[in-house]
Amino acid sequence: MVGEVGELSEIFQWKGEVPKGLPDWEEEEKVHLGEELSDVLLYLVRLSDVCGVDLGKAALRKIELNAIKYPKPSSE
């Protein structure tokens, strides 16, 4: 999995700030990105299965913890 994350990070290594939607990226780059993201996701799903972790529940719990740790600023 570390190797796959490394391959994913290489895609962004020299890109600098990346705007939403990747408007300056070639279609081939976007396809490659999708492939590498998928590789990481598949390894993560397999790892969570082997470890007996319900990834959906764990992610929701983490979102809840982050909301407590980093509350939205008050608009008052």
C-alpha atoms as a PDB file:
ATOM      1  CA  MET A   1       0.000   0.000   0.000  1.00  0.00           C
ATOM      2  CA  VAL A   2       2.857   2.373   0.777  1.00  0.00           C
ATOM      3  CA  GLY A   3       4.149   1.896  -2.764  1.00  0.00           C
ATOM      4  CA  GLU A   4       0.740   2.763  -4.199  1.00  0.00           C
ATOM      5  CA  VAL A   5       0.497   5.898  -2.055  1.00  0.00           C
ATOM      6  CA  GLY A   6       3.981   6.805  -3.265  1.00  0.00           C
ATOM      7  CA  GLU A   7       2.876   6.445  -6.884  1.00  0.00           C
ATOM      8  CA  LEU A   8      -0.130   8.647  -6.149  1.00  0.00           C
ATOM      9  CA  SER A   9       1.988  11.310  -4.468  1.00  0.00           C
ATOM     10  CA  GLU A  10       4.391  11.373  -7.428  1.00  0.00           C
ATOM     11  CA  ILE A  11       1.545  12.591  -9.618  1.00  0.00           C
ATOM     12  CA  PHE A  12       1.222  15.721  -7.470  1.00  0.00           C
ATOM     13  CA  GLN A  13       4.904  16.177  -6.646  1.00  0.00           C
ATOM     14  CA  TRP A  14       5.593  18.990  -9.135  1.00  0.00           C
ATOM     15  CA  LYS A  15       2.033  20.261  -9.662  1.00  0.00           C
ATOM     16  CA  GLY A  16       1.976  22.901  -6.924  1.00  0.00           C
ATOM     17  CA  GLU A  17      -1.490  24.107  -5.969  1.00  0.00           C
ATOM     18  CA  VAL A  18      -4.105  21.982  -7.718  1.00  0.00           C
ATOM     19  CA  PRO A  19      -7.436  23.693  -8.493  1.00  0.00           C
ATOM     20  CA  LYS A  20     -10.707  21.819  -8.109  1.00  0.00           C
ATOM     21  CA  GLY A  21     -11.592  19.837 -11.205  1.00  0.00           C
ATOM     22  CA  LEU A  22      -7.999  19.835 -12.476  1.00  0.00           C
ATOM     23  CA  PRO A  23      -8.773  22.217 -15.356  1.00  0.00           C
ATOM     24  CA  ASP A  24      -5.144  22.411 -16.520  1.00  0.00           C
ATOM     25  CA  TRP A  25      -4.604  18.652 -16.589  1.00  0.00           C
ATOM     26  CA  GLU A  26      -4.581  16.565 -19.749  1.00  0.00           C
ATOM     27  CA  GLU A  27      -7.228  13.841 -19.971  1.00  0.00           C
ATOM     28  CA  GLU A  28      -4.495  11.188 -19.851  1.00  0.00           C
ATOM     29  CA  GLU A  29      -3.240  12.636 -16.543  1.00  0.00           C
ATOM     30  CA  LYS A  30      -6.746  12.511 -15.081  1.00  0.00           C
ATOM     31  CA  VAL A  31      -7.147   8.886 -16.150  1.00  0.00           C
ATOM     32  CA  HIS A  32      -3.802   8.006 -14.573  1.00  0.00           C
ATOM     33  CA  LEU A  33      -4.820   9.788 -11.370  1.00  0.00           C
ATOM     34  CA  GLY A  34      -8.049   7.777 -11.261  1.00  0.00           C
ATOM     35  CA  GLU A  35      -6.098   4.547 -11.646  1.00  0.00           C
ATOM     36  CA  GLU A  36      -3.705   5.400  -8.819  1.00  0.00           C
ATOM     37  CA  LEU A  37      -6.517   6.577  -6.518  1.00  0.00           C
ATOM     38  CA  SER A  38      -8.308   3.302  -7.227  1.00  0.00           C
ATOM     39  CA  ASP A  39      -5.189   1.294  -6.376  1.00  0.00           C
ATOM     40  CA  VAL A  40      -4.920   3.028  -2.995  1.00  0.00           C
ATOM     41  CA  LEU A  41      -8.636   2.579  -2.312  1.00  0.00           C
ATOM     42  CA  LEU A  42      -8.543  -1.130  -3.136  1.00  0.00           C
ATOM     43  CA  TYR A  43      -5.558  -1.732  -0.852  1.00  0.00           C
ATOM     44  CA  LEU A  44      -7.278   0.211   1.928  1.00  0.00           C
ATOM     45  CA  VAL A  45     -10.508  -1.774   1.563  1.00  0.00           C
ATOM     46  CA  ARG A  46      -8.584  -5.066   1.579  1.00  0.00           C
ATOM     47  CA  LEU A  47      -6.563  -4.020   4.621  1.00  0.00           C
ATOM     48  CA  SER A  48      -9.652  -2.974   6.568  1.00  0.00           C
ATOM     49  CA  ASP A  49     -11.296  -6.307   5.707  1.00  0.00           C
ATOM     50  CA  VAL A  50      -8.276  -8.334   6.853  1.00  0.00           C
ATOM     51  CA  CYS A  51      -8.100  -6.307  10.072  1.00  0.00           C
ATOM     52  CA  GLY A  52     -11.839  -6.569  10.731  1.00  0.00           C
ATOM     53  CA  VAL A  53     -12.377  -2.817  10.624  1.00  0.00           C
ATOM     54  CA  ASP A  54     -15.704  -1.500   9.344  1.00  0.00           C
ATOM     55  CA  LEU A  55     -14.236   1.261   7.229  1.00  0.00           C
ATOM     56  CA  GLY A  56     -17.532   3.113   6.802  1.00  0.00           C
ATOM     57  CA  LYS A  57     -18.161   3.242  10.546  1.00  0.00           C
ATOM     58  CA  ALA A  58     -14.549   4.178  11.255  1.00  0.00           C
ATOM     59  CA  ALA A  59     -14.686   7.039   8.746  1.00  0.00           C
ATOM     60  CA  LEU A  60     -17.953   8.390  10.165  1.00  0.00           C
ATOM     61  CA  ARG A  61     -16.522   8.210  13.678  1.00  0.00           C
ATOM     62  CA  LYS A  62     -13.414  10.091  12.549  1.00  0.00           C
ATOM     63  CA  ILE A  63     -15.565  12.811  10.962  1.00  0.00           C
ATOM     64  CA  GLU A  64     -17.431  13.173  14.263  1.00  0.00           C
ATOM     65  CA  LEU A  65     -14.179  13.386  16.236  1.00  0.00           C
ATOM     66  CA  ASN A  66     -12.761  15.963  13.824  1.00  0.00           C
ATOM     67  CA  ALA A  67     -15.923  18.072  14.149  1.00  0.00           C
ATOM     68  CA  ILE A  68     -15.379  18.170  17.910  1.00  0.00           C
ATOM     69  CA  LYS A  69     -11.651  18.813  17.645  1.00  0.00           C
ATOM     70  CA  TYR A  70     -11.981  21.420  14.875  1.00  0.00           C
ATOM     71  CA  PRO A  71     -15.399  23.090  15.294  1.00  0.00           C
ATOM     72  CA  LYS A  72     -16.679  25.433  12.606  1.00  0.00           C
ATOM     73  CA  PRO A  73     -16.074  29.085  13.468  1.00  0.00           C
ATOM     74  CA  SER A  74     -19.068  30.859  14.923  1.00  0.00           C
ATOM     75  CA  SER A  75     -20.755  33.290  12.519  1.00  0.00           C
ATOM     76  CA  GLU A  76     -21.740  35.686  15.298  1.00  0.00           C
END
